[in-house]
Amino acid sequence: MLDTALHIGIDHPDFLWIALPAFLTFVSGLVLGARTEQIREWTGTGASETAE
């Protein structure tokens, strides 16, 4: 089990400052991906406008 902990870097002294921004970036990407249609409506760059 110790080999796994060492392999994934949990014992790194700055682990929190590495993992937290990575997690927040991942979550913000999920949020933006889920709201893509709303963002396209706000900016007016929807695919439906070019198809008409």
N, C-alpha and C. Protein backbone atom coordinates (compact mmCIF):
# COMPACT_ATOMS: atom_id res chain seq x y z
N MET A 1 0.81 -1.19 0.00
CA MET A 1 0.00 0.00 0.00
C MET A 1 0.86 1.26 0.00
N LEU A 2 1.98 1.21 0.68
CA LEU A 2 2.87 2.37 0.71
C LEU A 2 3.41 2.68 -0.68
N ASP A 3 3.65 1.64 -1.47
CA ASP A 3 4.14 1.87 -2.83
C ASP A 3 3.14 2.67 -3.65
N THR A 4 1.86 2.38 -3.48
CA THR A 4 0.83 3.12 -4.21
C THR A 4 0.79 4.57 -3.75
N ALA A 5 0.86 4.82 -2.46
CA ALA A 5 0.83 6.19 -1.96
C ALA A 5 2.03 6.99 -2.48
N LEU A 6 3.18 6.36 -2.53
CA LEU A 6 4.35 7.04 -3.06
C LEU A 6 4.23 7.26 -4.56
N HIS A 7 3.63 6.32 -5.24
CA HIS A 7 3.52 6.42 -6.69
C HIS A 7 2.59 7.56 -7.12
N ILE A 8 1.49 7.77 -6.39
CA ILE A 8 0.56 8.81 -6.80
C ILE A 8 0.90 10.18 -6.20
N GLY A 9 1.90 10.26 -5.38
CA GLY A 9 2.41 11.54 -4.92
C GLY A 9 1.74 12.13 -3.70
N ILE A 10 1.04 11.33 -2.91
CA ILE A 10 0.35 11.86 -1.74
C ILE A 10 1.33 12.43 -0.72
N ASP A 11 2.52 11.90 -0.67
CA ASP A 11 3.50 12.39 0.31
C ASP A 11 4.23 13.66 -0.15
N HIS A 12 3.89 14.17 -1.31
CA HIS A 12 4.53 15.39 -1.81
C HIS A 12 4.18 16.55 -0.88
N PRO A 13 5.13 17.38 -0.50
CA PRO A 13 4.85 18.47 0.45
C PRO A 13 3.85 19.50 -0.08
N ASP A 14 3.76 19.67 -1.37
CA ASP A 14 2.82 20.63 -1.96
C ASP A 14 1.65 19.95 -2.63
N PHE A 15 1.28 18.77 -2.15
CA PHE A 15 0.22 17.99 -2.78
C PHE A 15 -1.09 18.78 -2.86
N LEU A 16 -1.46 19.47 -1.77
CA LEU A 16 -2.71 20.23 -1.77
C LEU A 16 -2.70 21.31 -2.84
N TRP A 17 -1.58 22.00 -2.99
CA TRP A 17 -1.50 23.10 -3.95
C TRP A 17 -1.39 22.60 -5.40
N ILE A 18 -1.16 21.32 -5.56
CA ILE A 18 -1.16 20.73 -6.90
C ILE A 18 -2.54 20.14 -7.20
N ALA A 19 -3.11 19.44 -6.24
CA ALA A 19 -4.38 18.75 -6.46
C ALA A 19 -5.58 19.69 -6.49
N LEU A 20 -5.59 20.71 -5.66
CA LEU A 20 -6.74 21.60 -5.59
C LEU A 20 -6.97 22.37 -6.90
N PRO A 21 -5.97 23.02 -7.47
CA PRO A 21 -6.22 23.70 -8.75
C PRO A 21 -6.60 22.72 -9.87
N ALA A 22 -6.01 21.54 -9.85
CA ALA A 22 -6.36 20.55 -10.86
C ALA A 22 -7.81 20.14 -10.72
N PHE A 23 -8.26 19.91 -9.51
CA PHE A 23 -9.66 19.54 -9.28
C PHE A 23 -10.61 20.67 -9.67
N LEU A 24 -10.28 21.90 -9.31
CA LEU A 24 -11.13 23.04 -9.65
C LEU A 24 -11.19 23.26 -11.16
N THR A 25 -10.09 23.06 -11.83
CA THR A 25 -10.08 23.17 -13.29
C THR A 25 -10.95 22.10 -13.93
N PHE A 26 -10.87 20.88 -13.41
CA PHE A 26 -11.69 19.79 -13.91
C PHE A 26 -13.18 20.09 -13.73
N VAL A 27 -13.55 20.56 -12.55
CA VAL A 27 -14.95 20.86 -12.27
C VAL A 27 -15.44 22.02 -13.14
N SER A 28 -14.64 23.05 -13.30
CA SER A 28 -15.06 24.17 -14.14
C SER A 28 -15.20 23.74 -15.59
N GLY A 29 -14.40 22.81 -16.05
CA GLY A 29 -14.57 22.28 -17.40
C GLY A 29 -15.87 21.51 -17.54
N LEU A 30 -16.25 20.76 -16.52
CA LEU A 30 -17.53 20.06 -16.55
C LEU A 30 -18.69 21.05 -16.60
N VAL A 31 -18.59 22.10 -15.81
CA VAL A 31 -19.66 23.11 -15.77
C VAL A 31 -19.78 23.81 -17.12
N LEU A 32 -18.66 24.21 -17.68
CA LEU A 32 -18.69 24.87 -18.98
C LEU A 32 -19.20 23.94 -20.07
N GLY A 33 -18.81 22.69 -20.01
CA GLY A 33 -19.28 21.72 -20.99
C GLY A 33 -20.77 21.49 -20.88
N ALA A 34 -21.31 21.51 -19.68
CA ALA A 34 -22.74 21.30 -19.48
C ALA A 34 -23.54 22.52 -19.92
N ARG A 35 -22.93 23.68 -19.92
CA ARG A 35 -23.63 24.92 -20.27
C ARG A 35 -23.25 25.45 -21.65
N THR A 36 -22.73 24.62 -22.50
CA THR A 36 -22.27 25.06 -23.81
C THR A 36 -23.39 25.70 -24.63
N GLU A 37 -24.56 25.10 -24.61
CA GLU A 37 -25.67 25.65 -25.39
C GLU A 37 -26.08 27.03 -24.88
N GLN A 38 -26.10 27.22 -23.55
CA GLN A 38 -26.44 28.53 -23.01
C GLN A 38 -25.39 29.56 -23.40
N ILE A 39 -24.13 29.18 -23.38
CA ILE A 39 -23.06 30.11 -23.75
C ILE A 39 -23.17 30.49 -25.22
N ARG A 40 -23.51 29.53 -26.06
CA ARG A 40 -23.69 29.83 -27.49
C ARG A 40 -24.85 30.78 -27.71
N GLU A 41 -25.93 30.62 -26.94
CA GLU A 41 -27.06 31.53 -27.06
C GLU A 41 -26.67 32.95 -26.65
N TRP A 42 -25.89 33.06 -25.56
CA TRP A 42 -25.47 34.38 -25.08
C TRP A 42 -24.57 35.08 -26.08
N THR A 43 -23.66 34.33 -26.70
CA THR A 43 -22.71 34.94 -27.62
C THR A 43 -23.24 35.02 -29.04
N GLY A 44 -24.32 34.32 -29.33
CA GLY A 44 -24.89 34.37 -30.67
C GLY A 44 -24.12 33.56 -31.69
N THR A 45 -23.37 32.56 -31.27
CA THR A 45 -22.60 31.76 -32.21
C THR A 45 -23.12 30.34 -32.27
N GLY A 46 -24.43 30.18 -32.28
CA GLY A 46 -25.02 28.85 -32.32
C GLY A 46 -24.97 28.24 -33.71
N ALA A 47 -24.90 26.93 -33.79
CA ALA A 47 -24.86 26.24 -35.08
C ALA A 47 -26.20 26.37 -35.81
N SER A 48 -27.31 26.55 -35.08
CA SER A 48 -28.62 26.66 -35.72
C SER A 48 -28.73 27.95 -36.54
N GLU A 49 -28.03 28.99 -36.15
CA GLU A 49 -28.09 30.24 -36.92
C GLU A 49 -27.41 30.11 -38.26
N THR A 50 -26.35 29.36 -38.34
CA THR A 50 -25.64 29.22 -39.61
C THR A 50 -26.30 28.23 -40.54
N ALA A 51 -27.11 27.32 -39.99
CA ALA A 51 -27.77 26.31 -40.81
C ALA A 51 -28.98 26.87 -41.54
N GLU A 52 -29.55 27.98 -41.10
CA GLU A 52 -30.76 28.52 -41.72
C GLU A 52 -30.47 29.36 -42.92
